[in-house]
All heavy atoms as atom14 arrays in JSON, in Angstrom:
{
  "sequence": "YRELITKQKQENPRFCTLFQEHNRLDHEIKRLEQLPGAVHDKHIIEL",
  "atom14_mask": [
    [1, 1, 1, 1, 1, 1, 1, 1, 1, 1, 1, 1, 0, 0],
    [1, 1, 1, 1, 1, 1, 1, 1, 1, 1, 1, 0, 0, 0],
    [1, 1, 1, 1, 1, 1, 1, 1, 1, 0, 0, 0, 0, 0],
    [1, 1, 1, 1, 1, 1, 1, 1, 0, 0, 0, 0, 0, 0],
    [1, 1, 1, 1, 1, 1, 1, 1, 0, 0, 0, 0, 0, 0],
    [1, 1, 1, 1, 1, 1, 1, 0, 0, 0, 0, 0, 0, 0],
    [1, 1, 1, 1, 1, 1, 1, 1, 1, 0, 0, 0, 0, 0],
    [1, 1, 1, 1, 1, 1, 1, 1, 1, 0, 0, 0, 0, 0],
    [1, 1, 1, 1, 1, 1, 1, 1, 1, 0, 0, 0, 0, 0],
    [1, 1, 1, 1, 1, 1, 1, 1, 1, 0, 0, 0, 0, 0],
    [1, 1, 1, 1, 1, 1, 1, 1, 1, 0, 0, 0, 0, 0],
    [1, 1, 1, 1, 1, 1, 1, 1, 0, 0, 0, 0, 0, 0],
    [1, 1, 1, 1, 1, 1, 1, 0, 0, 0, 0, 0, 0, 0],
    [1, 1, 1, 1, 1, 1, 1, 1, 1, 1, 1, 0, 0, 0],
    [1, 1, 1, 1, 1, 1, 1, 1, 1, 1, 1, 0, 0, 0],
    [1, 1, 1, 1, 1, 1, 0, 0, 0, 0, 0, 0, 0, 0],
    [1, 1, 1, 1, 1, 1, 1, 0, 0, 0, 0, 0, 0, 0],
    [1, 1, 1, 1, 1, 1, 1, 1, 0, 0, 0, 0, 0, 0],
    [1, 1, 1, 1, 1, 1, 1, 1, 1, 1, 1, 0, 0, 0],
    [1, 1, 1, 1, 1, 1, 1, 1, 1, 0, 0, 0, 0, 0],
    [1, 1, 1, 1, 1, 1, 1, 1, 1, 0, 0, 0, 0, 0],
    [1, 1, 1, 1, 1, 1, 1, 1, 1, 1, 0, 0, 0, 0],
    [1, 1, 1, 1, 1, 1, 1, 1, 0, 0, 0, 0, 0, 0],
    [1, 1, 1, 1, 1, 1, 1, 1, 1, 1, 1, 0, 0, 0],
    [1, 1, 1, 1, 1, 1, 1, 1, 0, 0, 0, 0, 0, 0],
    [1, 1, 1, 1, 1, 1, 1, 1, 0, 0, 0, 0, 0, 0],
    [1, 1, 1, 1, 1, 1, 1, 1, 1, 1, 0, 0, 0, 0],
    [1, 1, 1, 1, 1, 1, 1, 1, 1, 0, 0, 0, 0, 0],
    [1, 1, 1, 1, 1, 1, 1, 1, 0, 0, 0, 0, 0, 0],
    [1, 1, 1, 1, 1, 1, 1, 1, 1, 0, 0, 0, 0, 0],
    [1, 1, 1, 1, 1, 1, 1, 1, 1, 1, 1, 0, 0, 0],
    [1, 1, 1, 1, 1, 1, 1, 1, 0, 0, 0, 0, 0, 0],
    [1, 1, 1, 1, 1, 1, 1, 1, 1, 0, 0, 0, 0, 0],
    [1, 1, 1, 1, 1, 1, 1, 1, 1, 0, 0, 0, 0, 0],
    [1, 1, 1, 1, 1, 1, 1, 1, 0, 0, 0, 0, 0, 0],
    [1, 1, 1, 1, 1, 1, 1, 0, 0, 0, 0, 0, 0, 0],
    [1, 1, 1, 1, 0, 0, 0, 0, 0, 0, 0, 0, 0, 0],
    [1, 1, 1, 1, 1, 0, 0, 0, 0, 0, 0, 0, 0, 0],
    [1, 1, 1, 1, 1, 1, 1, 0, 0, 0, 0, 0, 0, 0],
    [1, 1, 1, 1, 1, 1, 1, 1, 1, 1, 0, 0, 0, 0],
    [1, 1, 1, 1, 1, 1, 1, 1, 0, 0, 0, 0, 0, 0],
    [1, 1, 1, 1, 1, 1, 1, 1, 1, 0, 0, 0, 0, 0],
    [1, 1, 1, 1, 1, 1, 1, 1, 1, 1, 0, 0, 0, 0],
    [1, 1, 1, 1, 1, 1, 1, 1, 0, 0, 0, 0, 0, 0],
    [1, 1, 1, 1, 1, 1, 1, 1, 0, 0, 0, 0, 0, 0],
    [1, 1, 1, 1, 1, 1, 1, 1, 1, 0, 0, 0, 0, 0],
    [1, 1, 1, 1, 1, 1, 1, 1, 0, 0, 0, 0, 0, 0]
  ],
  "atom14_positions": [
    [[-20.28, -9.32, 73.67], [-20.99, -8.12, 73.6], [-21.07, -7.49, 72.19], [-21.3, -6.27, 72.11], [-20.37, -7.1, 74.56], [-20.54, -7.48, 76.01], [-19.4, -7.81, 76.78], [-21.75, -7.45, 76.65], [-19.54, -8.1, 78.11], [-21.92, -7.81, 78.0], [-20.85, -8.09, 78.7], [-20.97, -8.44, 80.03], [0.0, 0.0, 0.0], [0.0, 0.0, 0.0]],
    [[-20.79, -8.22, 71.23], [-20.71, -7.73, 69.86], [-21.94, -6.89, 69.48], [-21.81, -5.78, 69.01], [-20.57, -8.93, 68.84], [-20.5, -8.46, 67.4], [-20.43, -9.64, 66.42], [-19.32, -10.49, 66.72], [-18.14, -10.47, 66.16], [-17.9, -9.59, 65.22], [-17.16, -11.31, 66.46], [0.0, 0.0, 0.0], [0.0, 0.0, 0.0], [0.0, 0.0, 0.0]],
    [[-23.12, -7.39, 69.71], [-24.38, -6.66, 69.38], [-24.47, -5.38, 70.22], [-24.86, -4.3, 69.71], [-25.59, -7.55, 69.48], [-25.66, -8.63, 68.43], [-26.87, -9.53, 68.62], [-27.82, -9.12, 69.31], [-26.81, -10.64, 68.07], [0.0, 0.0, 0.0], [0.0, 0.0, 0.0], [0.0, 0.0, 0.0], [0.0, 0.0, 0.0], [0.0, 0.0, 0.0]],
    [[-24.23, -5.5, 71.49], [-24.33, -4.37, 72.4], [-23.31, -3.3, 72.02], [-23.58, -2.11, 72.13], [-24.16, -4.82, 73.89], [-24.39, -3.8, 74.91], [-25.78, -3.13, 74.79], [-24.27, -4.36, 76.31], [0.0, 0.0, 0.0], [0.0, 0.0, 0.0], [0.0, 0.0, 0.0], [0.0, 0.0, 0.0], [0.0, 0.0, 0.0], [0.0, 0.0, 0.0]],
    [[-22.1, -3.67, 71.71], [-21.08, -2.8, 71.24], [-21.62, -1.95, 70.03], [-21.48, -0.74, 69.99], [-19.76, -3.44, 70.96], [-19.12, -3.92, 72.27], [-18.79, -2.52, 70.24], [-17.89, -4.83, 72.07], [0.0, 0.0, 0.0], [0.0, 0.0, 0.0], [0.0, 0.0, 0.0], [0.0, 0.0, 0.0], [0.0, 0.0, 0.0], [0.0, 0.0, 0.0]],
    [[-22.1, -2.68, 69.07], [-22.63, -1.99, 67.86], [-23.7, -0.98, 68.21], [-23.68, 0.17, 67.72], [-23.15, -3.04, 66.84], [-22.11, -3.97, 66.47], [-23.7, -2.4, 65.64], [0.0, 0.0, 0.0], [0.0, 0.0, 0.0], [0.0, 0.0, 0.0], [0.0, 0.0, 0.0], [0.0, 0.0, 0.0], [0.0, 0.0, 0.0], [0.0, 0.0, 0.0]],
    [[-24.61, -1.38, 69.1], [-25.69, -0.48, 69.5], [-25.19, 0.69, 70.19], [-25.59, 1.85, 70.0], [-26.69, -1.25, 70.35], [-27.84, -0.46, 70.83], [-28.83, -1.32, 71.71], [-29.99, -0.43, 72.15], [-30.84, -1.1, 73.06], [0.0, 0.0, 0.0], [0.0, 0.0, 0.0], [0.0, 0.0, 0.0], [0.0, 0.0, 0.0], [0.0, 0.0, 0.0]],
    [[-24.24, 0.49, 71.16], [-23.68, 1.57, 71.98], [-22.9, 2.55, 71.13], [-22.95, 3.76, 71.34], [-22.84, 1.02, 73.11], [-23.56, 0.42, 74.19], [-24.51, 1.4, 74.84], [-24.18, 2.45, 75.32], [-25.83, 1.05, 74.78], [0.0, 0.0, 0.0], [0.0, 0.0, 0.0], [0.0, 0.0, 0.0], [0.0, 0.0, 0.0], [0.0, 0.0, 0.0]],
    [[-22.21, 2.04, 70.13], [-21.46, 2.97, 69.18], [-22.4, 3.89, 68.43], [-22.02, 5.04, 68.14], [-20.58, 2.14, 68.3], [-19.34, 1.55, 68.95], [-18.54, 0.63, 68.1], [-18.59, 0.9, 66.63], [-17.92, -0.12, 65.8], [0.0, 0.0, 0.0], [0.0, 0.0, 0.0], [0.0, 0.0, 0.0], [0.0, 0.0, 0.0], [0.0, 0.0, 0.0]],
    [[-23.56, 3.39, 68.14], [-24.53, 4.13, 67.42], [-25.29, 5.15, 68.32], [-25.69, 6.18, 67.91], [-25.52, 3.25, 66.71], [-24.91, 2.44, 65.61], [-25.79, 1.35, 65.04], [-26.9, 1.07, 65.62], [-25.39, 0.7, 64.0], [0.0, 0.0, 0.0], [0.0, 0.0, 0.0], [0.0, 0.0, 0.0], [0.0, 0.0, 0.0], [0.0, 0.0, 0.0]],
    [[-25.56, 4.74, 69.58], [-26.46, 5.48, 70.39], [-25.73, 6.31, 71.55], [-26.32, 7.18, 72.07], [-27.45, 4.56, 71.05], [-28.4, 3.86, 70.07], [-29.29, 2.82, 70.69], [-29.26, 2.64, 71.92], [-30.06, 2.23, 69.93], [0.0, 0.0, 0.0], [0.0, 0.0, 0.0], [0.0, 0.0, 0.0], [0.0, 0.0, 0.0], [0.0, 0.0, 0.0]],
    [[-24.51, 5.94, 71.85], [-23.83, 6.54, 72.98], [-22.57, 7.21, 72.49], [-21.55, 6.56, 72.31], [-23.56, 5.47, 74.04], [-22.94, 6.02, 75.27], [-22.31, 7.08, 75.3], [-23.1, 5.33, 76.39], [0.0, 0.0, 0.0], [0.0, 0.0, 0.0], [0.0, 0.0, 0.0], [0.0, 0.0, 0.0], [0.0, 0.0, 0.0], [0.0, 0.0, 0.0]],
    [[-22.56, 8.54, 72.35], [-21.35, 9.22, 71.84], [-20.11, 9.03, 72.7], [-19.04, 8.93, 72.15], [-21.79, 10.76, 71.85], [-23.26, 10.77, 71.86], [-23.67, 9.48, 72.57], [0.0, 0.0, 0.0], [0.0, 0.0, 0.0], [0.0, 0.0, 0.0], [0.0, 0.0, 0.0], [0.0, 0.0, 0.0], [0.0, 0.0, 0.0], [0.0, 0.0, 0.0]],
    [[-20.29, 8.97, 74.03], [-19.17, 8.75, 74.91], [-18.52, 7.41, 74.67], [-17.31, 7.24, 74.55], [-19.61, 8.88, 76.36], [-18.55, 8.59, 77.39], [-17.62, 9.73, 77.51], [-16.66, 9.4, 78.61], [-15.38, 9.67, 78.48], [-14.91, 10.2, 77.43], [-14.52, 9.35, 79.51], [0.0, 0.0, 0.0], [0.0, 0.0, 0.0], [0.0, 0.0, 0.0]],
    [[-19.38, 6.32, 74.53], [-18.89, 5.0, 74.31], [-18.15, 4.99, 72.95], [-17.07, 4.39, 72.85], [-20.08, 4.01, 74.23], [-19.64, 2.59, 74.06], [-19.31, 1.78, 75.18], [-19.46, 2.07, 72.83], [-18.97, 0.5, 75.0], [-19.05, 0.74, 72.65], [-18.82, -0.05, 73.72], [0.0, 0.0, 0.0], [0.0, 0.0, 0.0], [0.0, 0.0, 0.0]],
    [[-18.73, 5.58, 71.98], [-18.13, 5.61, 70.65], [-16.77, 6.26, 70.62], [-15.82, 5.77, 70.06], [-19.08, 6.32, 69.63], [-18.52, 6.24, 67.94], [0.0, 0.0, 0.0], [0.0, 0.0, 0.0], [0.0, 0.0, 0.0], [0.0, 0.0, 0.0], [0.0, 0.0, 0.0], [0.0, 0.0, 0.0], [0.0, 0.0, 0.0], [0.0, 0.0, 0.0]],
    [[-16.64, 7.41, 71.38], [-15.35, 8.05, 71.46], [-14.31, 7.2, 72.17], [-13.18, 7.1, 71.64], [-15.58, 9.38, 72.28], [-16.48, 10.26, 71.58], [-14.2, 10.12, 72.44], [0.0, 0.0, 0.0], [0.0, 0.0, 0.0], [0.0, 0.0, 0.0], [0.0, 0.0, 0.0], [0.0, 0.0, 0.0], [0.0, 0.0, 0.0], [0.0, 0.0, 0.0]],
    [[-14.71, 6.58, 73.27], [-13.77, 5.69, 73.98], [-13.32, 4.52, 73.11], [-12.17, 4.1, 73.07], [-14.38, 5.19, 75.28], [-14.61, 6.28, 76.37], [-15.32, 5.59, 77.54], [-13.39, 6.91, 76.8], [0.0, 0.0, 0.0], [0.0, 0.0, 0.0], [0.0, 0.0, 0.0], [0.0, 0.0, 0.0], [0.0, 0.0, 0.0], [0.0, 0.0, 0.0]],
    [[-14.34, 3.96, 72.36], [-14.06, 2.85, 71.52], [-13.07, 3.19, 70.4], [-12.13, 2.48, 70.12], [-15.36, 2.35, 70.94], [-15.22, 1.0, 70.24], [-15.4, -0.11, 70.89], [-15.03, 0.94, 68.83], [-15.33, -1.43, 70.3], [-14.91, -0.25, 68.19], [-15.05, -1.47, 68.94], [0.0, 0.0, 0.0], [0.0, 0.0, 0.0], [0.0, 0.0, 0.0]],
    [[-13.3, 4.35, 69.78], [-12.41, 4.81, 68.72], [-10.98, 5.1, 69.28], [-10.01, 4.77, 68.61], [-12.99, 6.05, 68.06], [-14.18, 5.72, 67.22], [-14.9, 6.95, 66.69], [-14.64, 8.07, 67.17], [-15.75, 6.78, 65.71], [0.0, 0.0, 0.0], [0.0, 0.0, 0.0], [0.0, 0.0, 0.0], [0.0, 0.0, 0.0], [0.0, 0.0, 0.0]],
    [[-10.91, 5.72, 70.46], [-9.6, 5.95, 71.02], [-8.87, 4.63, 71.37], [-7.71, 4.51, 71.21], [-9.79, 6.79, 72.25], [-8.51, 7.16, 72.99], [-7.51, 8.05, 72.16], [-7.92, 8.54, 71.11], [-6.36, 8.2, 72.58], [0.0, 0.0, 0.0], [0.0, 0.0, 0.0], [0.0, 0.0, 0.0], [0.0, 0.0, 0.0], [0.0, 0.0, 0.0]],
    [[-9.62, 3.68, 71.88], [-9.06, 2.36, 72.13], [-8.45, 1.75, 70.85], [-7.35, 1.25, 70.86], [-10.09, 1.38, 72.71], [-9.51, 0.07, 73.13], [-9.4, -0.95, 72.2], [-9.07, -0.38, 74.33], [-8.9, -2.03, 72.87], [-8.72, -1.65, 74.12], [0.0, 0.0, 0.0], [0.0, 0.0, 0.0], [0.0, 0.0, 0.0], [0.0, 0.0, 0.0]],
    [[-9.21, 1.85, 69.78], [-8.75, 1.27, 68.51], [-7.48, 2.07, 67.99], [-6.53, 1.5, 67.49], [-9.8, 1.36, 67.42], [-10.71, 0.2, 67.49], [-10.45, -0.83, 68.11], [-11.86, 0.29, 66.83], [0.0, 0.0, 0.0], [0.0, 0.0, 0.0], [0.0, 0.0, 0.0], [0.0, 0.0, 0.0], [0.0, 0.0, 0.0], [0.0, 0.0, 0.0]],
    [[-7.5, 3.39, 68.16], [-6.39, 4.2, 67.72], [-5.12, 3.84, 68.48], [-4.08, 3.7, 67.91], [-6.72, 5.69, 67.91], [-5.69, 6.62, 67.38], [-5.81, 8.02, 67.84], [-5.46, 8.22, 69.23], [-4.3, 8.22, 69.78], [-3.19, 7.97, 69.05], [-4.07, 8.34, 71.05], [0.0, 0.0, 0.0], [0.0, 0.0, 0.0], [0.0, 0.0, 0.0]],
    [[-5.29, 3.67, 69.82], [-4.1, 3.27, 70.64], [-3.62, 1.9, 70.23], [-2.38, 1.65, 70.2], [-4.47, 3.25, 72.11], [-4.59, 4.67, 72.72], [-5.09, 4.56, 74.15], [-3.23, 5.4, 72.7], [0.0, 0.0, 0.0], [0.0, 0.0, 0.0], [0.0, 0.0, 0.0], [0.0, 0.0, 0.0], [0.0, 0.0, 0.0], [0.0, 0.0, 0.0]],
    [[-4.54, 0.99, 69.98], [-4.17, -0.36, 69.57], [-3.28, -0.33, 68.32], [-2.2, -0.92, 68.2], [-5.42, -1.21, 69.31], [-5.07, -2.64, 69.08], [-4.39, -3.28, 69.95], [-5.41, -3.18, 67.97], [0.0, 0.0, 0.0], [0.0, 0.0, 0.0], [0.0, 0.0, 0.0], [0.0, 0.0, 0.0], [0.0, 0.0, 0.0], [0.0, 0.0, 0.0]],
    [[-3.69, 0.43, 67.34], [-3.0, 0.53, 66.06], [-1.62, 1.25, 66.3], [-0.61, 0.81, 65.74], [-3.77, 1.29, 65.0], [-4.96, 0.5, 64.55], [-4.87, -0.62, 63.79], [-6.31, 0.73, 64.76], [-6.09, -1.12, 63.57], [-6.94, -0.3, 64.14], [0.0, 0.0, 0.0], [0.0, 0.0, 0.0], [0.0, 0.0, 0.0], [0.0, 0.0, 0.0]],
    [[-1.59, 2.26, 67.1], [-0.35, 3.0, 67.38], [0.67, 2.1, 68.12], [1.84, 2.11, 67.76], [-0.71, 4.27, 68.2], [0.57, 5.07, 68.52], [1.24, 5.76, 67.38], [0.69, 5.76, 66.22], [2.31, 6.3, 67.53], [0.0, 0.0, 0.0], [0.0, 0.0, 0.0], [0.0, 0.0, 0.0], [0.0, 0.0, 0.0], [0.0, 0.0, 0.0]],
    [[0.18, 1.33, 69.11], [1.09, 0.46, 69.82], [1.68, -0.59, 68.88], [2.87, -0.86, 68.92], [0.3, -0.22, 71.0], [-0.05, 0.8, 72.06], [1.07, -1.38, 71.52], [-1.05, 0.36, 73.09], [0.0, 0.0, 0.0], [0.0, 0.0, 0.0], [0.0, 0.0, 0.0], [0.0, 0.0, 0.0], [0.0, 0.0, 0.0], [0.0, 0.0, 0.0]],
    [[0.84, -1.18, 68.0], [1.34, -2.12, 67.09], [2.37, -1.52, 66.15], [3.37, -2.21, 65.86], [0.15, -2.77, 66.26], [-0.65, -3.74, 67.06], [-1.81, -4.3, 66.25], [-2.63, -5.23, 67.08], [-3.77, -5.77, 66.37], [0.0, 0.0, 0.0], [0.0, 0.0, 0.0], [0.0, 0.0, 0.0], [0.0, 0.0, 0.0], [0.0, 0.0, 0.0]],
    [[2.14, -0.33, 65.72], [3.07, 0.29, 64.77], [4.37, 0.55, 65.54], [5.47, 0.2, 65.0], [2.48, 1.62, 64.35], [3.39, 2.38, 63.31], [2.85, 3.74, 62.97], [3.03, 4.7, 64.12], [4.19, 5.28, 64.45], [5.27, 5.03, 63.75], [4.25, 6.16, 65.44], [0.0, 0.0, 0.0], [0.0, 0.0, 0.0], [0.0, 0.0, 0.0]],
    [[4.32, 1.09, 66.75], [5.53, 1.37, 67.52], [6.32, 0.1, 67.88], [7.53, 0.13, 67.97], [5.19, 2.16, 68.79], [4.68, 3.57, 68.54], [4.16, 4.17, 69.84], [5.76, 4.47, 67.94], [0.0, 0.0, 0.0], [0.0, 0.0, 0.0], [0.0, 0.0, 0.0], [0.0, 0.0, 0.0], [0.0, 0.0, 0.0], [0.0, 0.0, 0.0]],
    [[5.57, -0.94, 68.19], [6.25, -2.24, 68.5], [7.04, -2.82, 67.35], [7.95, -3.66, 67.57], [5.24, -3.21, 69.03], [4.71, -2.9, 70.4], [3.65, -3.91, 70.94], [2.99, -4.52, 70.09], [3.62, -4.05, 72.15], [0.0, 0.0, 0.0], [0.0, 0.0, 0.0], [0.0, 0.0, 0.0], [0.0, 0.0, 0.0], [0.0, 0.0, 0.0]],
    [[6.81, -2.38, 66.17], [7.55, -2.81, 65.01], [8.91, -2.16, 64.85], [9.74, -2.62, 64.14], [6.73, -2.63, 63.71], [5.4, -3.36, 63.68], [5.59, -4.86, 63.88], [6.44, -5.48, 63.23], [4.8, -5.43, 64.77], [0.0, 0.0, 0.0], [0.0, 0.0, 0.0], [0.0, 0.0, 0.0], [0.0, 0.0, 0.0], [0.0, 0.0, 0.0]],
    [[9.07, -1.05, 65.59], [10.35, -0.33, 65.5], [11.48, -1.02, 66.28], [11.19, -1.67, 67.31], [10.14, 1.12, 66.04], [9.13, 1.95, 65.33], [8.92, 3.31, 66.05], [9.51, 2.17, 63.9], [0.0, 0.0, 0.0], [0.0, 0.0, 0.0], [0.0, 0.0, 0.0], [0.0, 0.0, 0.0], [0.0, 0.0, 0.0], [0.0, 0.0, 0.0]],
    [[12.69, -0.93, 65.87], [13.8, -1.58, 66.6], [13.87, -1.04, 68.05], [13.79, 0.16, 68.23], [15.03, -1.15, 65.76], [14.51, -0.74, 64.43], [13.12, -0.29, 64.63], [0.0, 0.0, 0.0], [0.0, 0.0, 0.0], [0.0, 0.0, 0.0], [0.0, 0.0, 0.0], [0.0, 0.0, 0.0], [0.0, 0.0, 0.0], [0.0, 0.0, 0.0]],
    [[14.15, -1.92, 68.99], [14.32, -1.51, 70.32], [13.04, -1.08, 71.09], [13.11, -0.47, 72.18], [0.0, 0.0, 0.0], [0.0, 0.0, 0.0], [0.0, 0.0, 0.0], [0.0, 0.0, 0.0], [0.0, 0.0, 0.0], [0.0, 0.0, 0.0], [0.0, 0.0, 0.0], [0.0, 0.0, 0.0], [0.0, 0.0, 0.0], [0.0, 0.0, 0.0]],
    [[11.94, -1.36, 70.5], [10.66, -0.87, 71.08], [10.05, -1.72, 72.11], [9.06, -1.31, 72.8], [9.68, -0.65, 69.95], [0.0, 0.0, 0.0], [0.0, 0.0, 0.0], [0.0, 0.0, 0.0], [0.0, 0.0, 0.0], [0.0, 0.0, 0.0], [0.0, 0.0, 0.0], [0.0, 0.0, 0.0], [0.0, 0.0, 0.0], [0.0, 0.0, 0.0]],
    [[10.58, -2.91, 72.37], [9.96, -3.82, 73.25], [9.66, -3.31, 74.68], [8.55, -3.45, 75.2], [10.8, -5.17, 73.38], [10.18, -6.06, 74.42], [10.99, -5.79, 72.07], [0.0, 0.0, 0.0], [0.0, 0.0, 0.0], [0.0, 0.0, 0.0], [0.0, 0.0, 0.0], [0.0, 0.0, 0.0], [0.0, 0.0, 0.0], [0.0, 0.0, 0.0]],
    [[10.61, -2.58, 75.25], [10.44, -2.01, 76.58], [10.37, -0.54, 76.62], [10.65, 0.06, 77.66], [11.58, -2.58, 77.5], [11.54, -4.03, 77.63], [10.55, -4.75, 78.3], [12.39, -5.01, 77.14], [10.79, -6.03, 78.2], [11.92, -6.2, 77.57], [0.0, 0.0, 0.0], [0.0, 0.0, 0.0], [0.0, 0.0, 0.0], [0.0, 0.0, 0.0]],
    [[10.01, 0.04, 75.52], [9.93, 1.49, 75.35], [8.92, 2.07, 76.41], [7.8, 1.57, 76.46], [9.59, 1.9, 73.95], [9.54, 3.31, 73.74], [10.56, 3.91, 73.37], [8.45, 3.97, 73.9], [0.0, 0.0, 0.0], [0.0, 0.0, 0.0], [0.0, 0.0, 0.0], [0.0, 0.0, 0.0], [0.0, 0.0, 0.0], [0.0, 0.0, 0.0]],
    [[9.31, 3.07, 77.13], [8.44, 3.64, 78.17], [7.2, 4.25, 77.55], [6.11, 4.21, 78.18], [9.2, 4.68, 79.01], [10.21, 4.09, 79.92], [10.94, 5.18, 80.71], [11.97, 4.53, 81.56], [12.74, 5.43, 82.36], [0.0, 0.0, 0.0], [0.0, 0.0, 0.0], [0.0, 0.0, 0.0], [0.0, 0.0, 0.0], [0.0, 0.0, 0.0]],
    [[7.27, 4.86, 76.4], [6.11, 5.43, 75.74], [5.06, 4.37, 75.4], [3.89, 4.56, 75.6], [6.56, 6.23, 74.5], [5.44, 6.86, 73.76], [4.65, 7.84, 74.31], [4.93, 6.6, 72.48], [3.76, 8.19, 73.41], [3.88, 7.44, 72.35], [0.0, 0.0, 0.0], [0.0, 0.0, 0.0], [0.0, 0.0, 0.0], [0.0, 0.0, 0.0]],
    [[5.59, 3.25, 74.92], [4.62, 2.15, 74.58], [3.95, 1.58, 75.83], [2.8, 1.31, 75.83], [5.43, 1.0, 73.84], [5.89, 1.49, 72.44], [4.53, -0.25, 73.7], [6.79, 0.52, 71.69], [0.0, 0.0, 0.0], [0.0, 0.0, 0.0], [0.0, 0.0, 0.0], [0.0, 0.0, 0.0], [0.0, 0.0, 0.0], [0.0, 0.0, 0.0]],
    [[4.73, 1.55, 76.89], [4.14, 1.06, 78.15], [3.03, 1.97, 78.62], [1.99, 1.55, 79.07], [5.26, 0.91, 79.24], [6.22, -0.25, 78.86], [4.67, 0.68, 80.63], [7.46, -0.31, 79.66], [0.0, 0.0, 0.0], [0.0, 0.0, 0.0], [0.0, 0.0, 0.0], [0.0, 0.0, 0.0], [0.0, 0.0, 0.0], [0.0, 0.0, 0.0]],
    [[3.26, 3.25, 78.53], [2.22, 4.25, 78.88], [1.01, 4.15, 77.96], [-0.13, 4.21, 78.43], [2.76, 5.64, 78.85], [3.7, 6.02, 79.99], [3.07, 5.83, 81.33], [1.98, 6.2, 81.55], [3.79, 5.21, 82.25], [0.0, 0.0, 0.0], [0.0, 0.0, 0.0], [0.0, 0.0, 0.0], [0.0, 0.0, 0.0], [0.0, 0.0, 0.0]],
    [[1.2, 3.93, 76.68], [0.04, 3.8, 75.77], [-0.68, 2.53, 76.14], [-1.96, 2.55, 76.05], [0.63, 3.69, 74.33], [1.17, 4.96, 73.73], [1.71, 4.73, 72.31], [0.16, 6.1, 73.71], [0.0, 0.0, 0.0], [0.0, 0.0, 0.0], [0.0, 0.0, 0.0], [0.0, 0.0, 0.0], [0.0, 0.0, 0.0], [0.0, 0.0, 0.0]]
  ]
}
């Protein structure tokens, strides 16, 4: 869906917001997983 995603991000504000939030969570989860003892952290699981 690469092309459709690009189009939706430009034309659909709701899609763009959800997409950005998904990316933000992805980066936050990766950052938190690098911390010691984070493997089974409840906050990470919720994220």
